[in-house]
Amino acid sequence: MSDDMSDELQAKIQTERDEALATLSEVVDEARYKSLGDGRIRSPEKERIRLKYLRVIISAQDTRRKILADKELEELAERLEEIEEQQESRRATV
């Protein structure tokens, strides 16, 4: 794969990751509003709906955590690759 293709793919992945994180943030905000805020469902028979919103928050936060962890791992891999390249270039000059 050429560097241009790799850069293009990385940019696409980053864009999709950012969009997913933004969407998940919206889901969490709406579920929080419905379950804990002014939009809270107050009817006792609808308490199960509130619990479903809380489950949505947990699920969305877990997904966000996984996306951010993947992003961090990729950044660490890139930094490691740069360091290895620097060391290789130093070895070549010695």
N, C-alpha and C. Protein backbone atom coordinates (compact mmCIF):
# COMPACT_ATOMS: atom_id res chain seq x y z
N MET A 1 0.85 -1.17 0.00
CA MET A 1 0.00 0.00 0.00
C MET A 1 0.89 1.23 0.00
N SER A 2 0.60 2.19 -0.86
CA SER A 2 1.42 3.39 -0.94
C SER A 2 1.12 4.30 0.24
N ASP A 3 2.04 5.24 0.47
CA ASP A 3 1.86 6.18 1.57
C ASP A 3 0.61 7.04 1.39
N ASP A 4 0.31 7.43 0.13
CA ASP A 4 -0.88 8.22 -0.13
C ASP A 4 -2.15 7.46 0.23
N MET A 5 -2.18 6.18 -0.14
CA MET A 5 -3.33 5.34 0.20
C MET A 5 -3.43 5.17 1.71
N SER A 6 -2.29 4.97 2.34
CA SER A 6 -2.28 4.80 3.78
C SER A 6 -2.74 6.07 4.48
N ASP A 7 -2.27 7.22 4.04
CA ASP A 7 -2.69 8.49 4.62
C ASP A 7 -4.18 8.73 4.40
N GLU A 8 -4.64 8.39 3.20
CA GLU A 8 -6.06 8.57 2.89
C GLU A 8 -6.92 7.66 3.76
N LEU A 9 -6.48 6.42 3.92
CA LEU A 9 -7.20 5.47 4.77
C LEU A 9 -7.20 5.93 6.22
N GLN A 10 -6.06 6.40 6.71
CA GLN A 10 -5.96 6.89 8.09
C GLN A 10 -6.89 8.09 8.30
N ALA A 11 -6.95 8.99 7.32
CA ALA A 11 -7.83 10.16 7.43
C ALA A 11 -9.29 9.73 7.47
N LYS A 12 -9.65 8.75 6.65
CA LYS A 12 -11.03 8.26 6.63
C LYS A 12 -11.37 7.60 7.96
N ILE A 13 -10.46 6.79 8.47
CA ILE A 13 -10.69 6.13 9.76
C ILE A 13 -10.86 7.17 10.86
N GLN A 14 -10.01 8.19 10.85
CA GLN A 14 -10.09 9.24 11.87
C GLN A 14 -11.41 10.00 11.77
N THR A 15 -11.85 10.31 10.56
CA THR A 15 -13.11 11.01 10.37
C THR A 15 -14.28 10.17 10.88
N GLU A 16 -14.29 8.90 10.53
CA GLU A 16 -15.37 8.01 10.99
C GLU A 16 -15.34 7.85 12.49
N ARG A 17 -14.16 7.77 13.06
CA ARG A 17 -14.02 7.64 14.52
C ARG A 17 -14.55 8.91 15.21
N ASP A 18 -14.20 10.07 14.68
CA ASP A 18 -14.67 11.33 15.25
C ASP A 18 -16.20 11.44 15.16
N GLU A 19 -16.76 11.02 14.03
CA GLU A 19 -18.21 11.05 13.87
C GLU A 19 -18.88 10.10 14.86
N ALA A 20 -18.31 8.92 15.04
CA ALA A 20 -18.88 7.95 15.98
C ALA A 20 -18.84 8.50 17.41
N LEU A 21 -17.73 9.12 17.78
CA LEU A 21 -17.63 9.70 19.12
C LEU A 21 -18.64 10.82 19.32
N ALA A 22 -18.84 11.65 18.31
CA ALA A 22 -19.82 12.74 18.41
C ALA A 22 -21.23 12.18 18.55
N THR A 23 -21.55 11.17 17.78
CA THR A 23 -22.87 10.55 17.86
C THR A 23 -23.09 9.91 19.22
N LEU A 24 -22.08 9.21 19.71
CA LEU A 24 -22.20 8.59 21.03
C LEU A 24 -22.37 9.64 22.13
N SER A 25 -21.71 10.76 21.99
CA SER A 25 -21.89 11.84 22.97
C SER A 25 -23.33 12.34 22.96
N GLU A 26 -23.91 12.47 21.78
CA GLU A 26 -25.31 12.89 21.68
C GLU A 26 -26.24 11.86 22.31
N VAL A 27 -25.97 10.58 22.08
CA VAL A 27 -26.79 9.52 22.66
C VAL A 27 -26.72 9.58 24.19
N VAL A 28 -25.52 9.75 24.71
CA VAL A 28 -25.35 9.82 26.16
C VAL A 28 -26.08 11.03 26.72
N ASP A 29 -25.94 12.18 26.07
CA ASP A 29 -26.61 13.39 26.56
C ASP A 29 -28.13 13.22 26.58
N GLU A 30 -28.69 12.67 25.51
CA GLU A 30 -30.14 12.47 25.45
C GLU A 30 -30.60 11.46 26.50
N ALA A 31 -29.87 10.38 26.65
CA ALA A 31 -30.25 9.37 27.64
C ALA A 31 -30.14 9.93 29.06
N ARG A 32 -29.11 10.74 29.30
CA ARG A 32 -28.97 11.37 30.61
C ARG A 32 -30.14 12.30 30.89
N TYR A 33 -30.51 13.08 29.89
CA TYR A 33 -31.63 14.01 30.03
C TYR A 33 -32.92 13.25 30.37
N LYS A 34 -33.14 12.17 29.64
CA LYS A 34 -34.37 11.39 29.85
C LYS A 34 -34.36 10.64 31.18
N SER A 35 -33.20 10.18 31.61
CA SER A 35 -33.18 9.35 32.81
C SER A 35 -32.88 10.13 34.08
N LEU A 36 -32.14 11.22 33.98
CA LEU A 36 -31.71 11.93 35.18
C LEU A 36 -32.09 13.39 35.23
N GLY A 37 -32.38 13.99 34.07
CA GLY A 37 -32.59 15.43 34.01
C GLY A 37 -34.04 15.84 34.04
N ASP A 38 -34.31 17.03 33.50
CA ASP A 38 -35.66 17.59 33.48
C ASP A 38 -36.62 16.75 32.63
N GLY A 39 -36.09 16.00 31.70
CA GLY A 39 -36.94 15.17 30.85
C GLY A 39 -37.24 13.82 31.48
N ARG A 40 -36.91 13.69 32.75
CA ARG A 40 -37.05 12.40 33.43
C ARG A 40 -38.49 11.89 33.35
N ILE A 41 -38.58 10.61 33.14
CA ILE A 41 -39.86 9.93 33.08
C ILE A 41 -40.29 9.70 34.53
N ARG A 42 -41.39 10.31 34.95
CA ARG A 42 -41.75 10.29 36.36
C ARG A 42 -42.83 9.25 36.70
N SER A 43 -43.46 8.71 35.73
CA SER A 43 -44.51 7.73 35.97
C SER A 43 -43.90 6.42 36.46
N PRO A 44 -44.38 5.90 37.59
CA PRO A 44 -43.81 4.66 38.13
C PRO A 44 -43.86 3.49 37.14
N GLU A 45 -44.93 3.40 36.37
CA GLU A 45 -45.03 2.28 35.43
C GLU A 45 -44.05 2.43 34.26
N LYS A 46 -43.48 3.63 34.13
CA LYS A 46 -42.51 3.84 33.05
C LYS A 46 -41.07 3.85 33.57
N GLU A 47 -40.90 3.44 34.79
CA GLU A 47 -39.56 3.39 35.38
C GLU A 47 -38.64 2.47 34.56
N ARG A 48 -39.19 1.43 33.99
CA ARG A 48 -38.36 0.53 33.18
C ARG A 48 -37.77 1.25 31.98
N ILE A 49 -38.47 2.24 31.45
CA ILE A 49 -37.94 3.04 30.34
C ILE A 49 -36.71 3.81 30.80
N ARG A 50 -36.79 4.37 32.01
CA ARG A 50 -35.65 5.10 32.57
C ARG A 50 -34.45 4.17 32.69
N LEU A 51 -34.69 2.96 33.12
CA LEU A 51 -33.60 2.00 33.25
C LEU A 51 -33.00 1.66 31.89
N LYS A 52 -33.83 1.61 30.87
CA LYS A 52 -33.32 1.35 29.51
C LYS A 52 -32.40 2.49 29.06
N TYR A 53 -32.79 3.73 29.37
CA TYR A 53 -31.94 4.87 29.03
C TYR A 53 -30.60 4.78 29.76
N LEU A 54 -30.64 4.35 31.01
CA LEU A 54 -29.39 4.19 31.75
C LEU A 54 -28.51 3.12 31.12
N ARG A 55 -29.12 2.06 30.62
CA ARG A 55 -28.36 1.01 29.93
C ARG A 55 -27.75 1.55 28.64
N VAL A 56 -28.49 2.44 27.96
CA VAL A 56 -27.97 3.07 26.74
C VAL A 56 -26.72 3.88 27.08
N ILE A 57 -26.78 4.63 28.18
CA ILE A 57 -25.61 5.42 28.60
C ILE A 57 -24.41 4.51 28.82
N ILE A 58 -24.61 3.43 29.54
CA ILE A 58 -23.51 2.51 29.84
C ILE A 58 -22.94 1.93 28.56
N SER A 59 -23.81 1.50 27.67
CA SER A 59 -23.37 0.91 26.41
C SER A 59 -22.61 1.92 25.54
N ALA A 60 -23.16 3.13 25.45
CA ALA A 60 -22.52 4.15 24.62
C ALA A 60 -21.16 4.55 25.22
N GLN A 61 -21.09 4.67 26.52
CA GLN A 61 -19.82 5.02 27.16
C GLN A 61 -18.78 3.91 26.95
N ASP A 62 -19.22 2.67 27.01
CA ASP A 62 -18.30 1.56 26.78
C ASP A 62 -17.78 1.58 25.35
N THR A 63 -18.65 1.86 24.40
CA THR A 63 -18.23 1.95 23.00
C THR A 63 -17.27 3.11 22.80
N ARG A 64 -17.55 4.26 23.42
CA ARG A 64 -16.65 5.42 23.33
C ARG A 64 -15.28 5.07 23.89
N ARG A 65 -15.27 4.37 25.03
CA ARG A 65 -14.01 3.99 25.65
C ARG A 65 -13.19 3.10 24.71
N LYS A 66 -13.86 2.16 24.05
CA LYS A 66 -13.16 1.27 23.13
C LYS A 66 -12.60 2.04 21.93
N ILE A 67 -13.38 2.97 21.39
CA ILE A 67 -12.91 3.77 20.25
C ILE A 67 -11.70 4.60 20.65
N LEU A 68 -11.77 5.23 21.81
CA LEU A 68 -10.65 6.05 22.27
C LEU A 68 -9.42 5.20 22.57
N ALA A 69 -9.63 4.01 23.10
CA ALA A 69 -8.50 3.11 23.36
C ALA A 69 -7.83 2.70 22.05
N ASP A 70 -8.64 2.39 21.03
CA ASP A 70 -8.09 2.04 19.71
C ASP A 70 -7.28 3.20 19.15
N LYS A 71 -7.83 4.40 19.29
CA LYS A 71 -7.14 5.59 18.79
C LYS A 71 -5.80 5.77 19.50
N GLU A 72 -5.81 5.60 20.81
CA GLU A 72 -4.58 5.75 21.58
C GLU A 72 -3.55 4.69 21.19
N LEU A 73 -3.99 3.46 20.97
CA LEU A 73 -3.07 2.40 20.55
C LEU A 73 -2.45 2.71 19.20
N GLU A 74 -3.25 3.23 18.27
CA GLU A 74 -2.71 3.59 16.96
C GLU A 74 -1.69 4.71 17.07
N GLU A 75 -1.98 5.70 17.92
CA GLU A 75 -1.04 6.80 18.11
C GLU A 75 0.27 6.29 18.73
N LEU A 76 0.17 5.38 19.68
CA LEU A 76 1.37 4.80 20.28
C LEU A 76 2.17 3.99 19.26
N ALA A 77 1.46 3.26 18.41
CA ALA A 77 2.14 2.48 17.38
C ALA A 77 2.88 3.40 16.41
N GLU A 78 2.25 4.52 16.06
CA GLU A 78 2.90 5.48 15.16
C GLU A 78 4.14 6.08 15.83
N ARG A 79 4.03 6.42 17.10
CA ARG A 79 5.19 6.98 17.81
C ARG A 79 6.32 5.97 17.90
N LEU A 80 5.97 4.72 18.16
CA LEU A 80 6.98 3.67 18.24
C LEU A 80 7.66 3.49 16.89
N GLU A 81 6.89 3.52 15.82
CA GLU A 81 7.45 3.38 14.48
C GLU A 81 8.42 4.53 14.18
N GLU A 82 8.04 5.75 14.57
CA GLU A 82 8.93 6.91 14.37
C GLU A 82 10.23 6.75 15.15
N ILE A 83 10.12 6.29 16.38
CA ILE A 83 11.32 6.09 17.21
C ILE A 83 12.21 5.02 16.60
N GLU A 84 11.60 3.93 16.15
CA GLU A 84 12.39 2.86 15.52
C GLU A 84 13.08 3.35 14.26
N GLU A 85 12.39 4.18 13.47
CA GLU A 85 13.00 4.73 12.26
C GLU A 85 14.16 5.64 12.60
N GLN A 86 14.01 6.43 13.65
CA GLN A 86 15.10 7.31 14.09
C GLN A 86 16.31 6.48 14.54
N GLN A 87 16.06 5.41 15.27
CA GLN A 87 17.15 4.56 15.73
C GLN A 87 17.84 3.88 14.55
N GLU A 88 17.06 3.43 13.57
CA GLU A 88 17.63 2.80 12.38
C GLU A 88 18.51 3.79 11.62
N SER A 89 18.05 5.02 11.50
CA SER A 89 18.82 6.02 10.76
C SER A 89 20.11 6.36 11.52
N ARG A 90 20.06 6.35 12.84
CA ARG A 90 21.25 6.60 13.65
C ARG A 90 22.26 5.46 13.49
N ARG A 91 21.75 4.23 13.47
CA ARG A 91 22.61 3.06 13.32
C ARG A 91 23.28 3.07 11.93
N ALA A 92 22.54 3.54 10.96
CA ALA A 92 23.07 3.57 9.59
C ALA A 92 24.21 4.59 9.47
N THR A 93 24.15 5.65 10.25
CA THR A 93 25.18 6.67 10.17
C THR A 93 26.40 6.33 11.02
N VAL A 94 26.30 5.36 11.91
CA VAL A 94 27.41 5.00 12.78
C VAL A 94 28.37 4.08 12.11
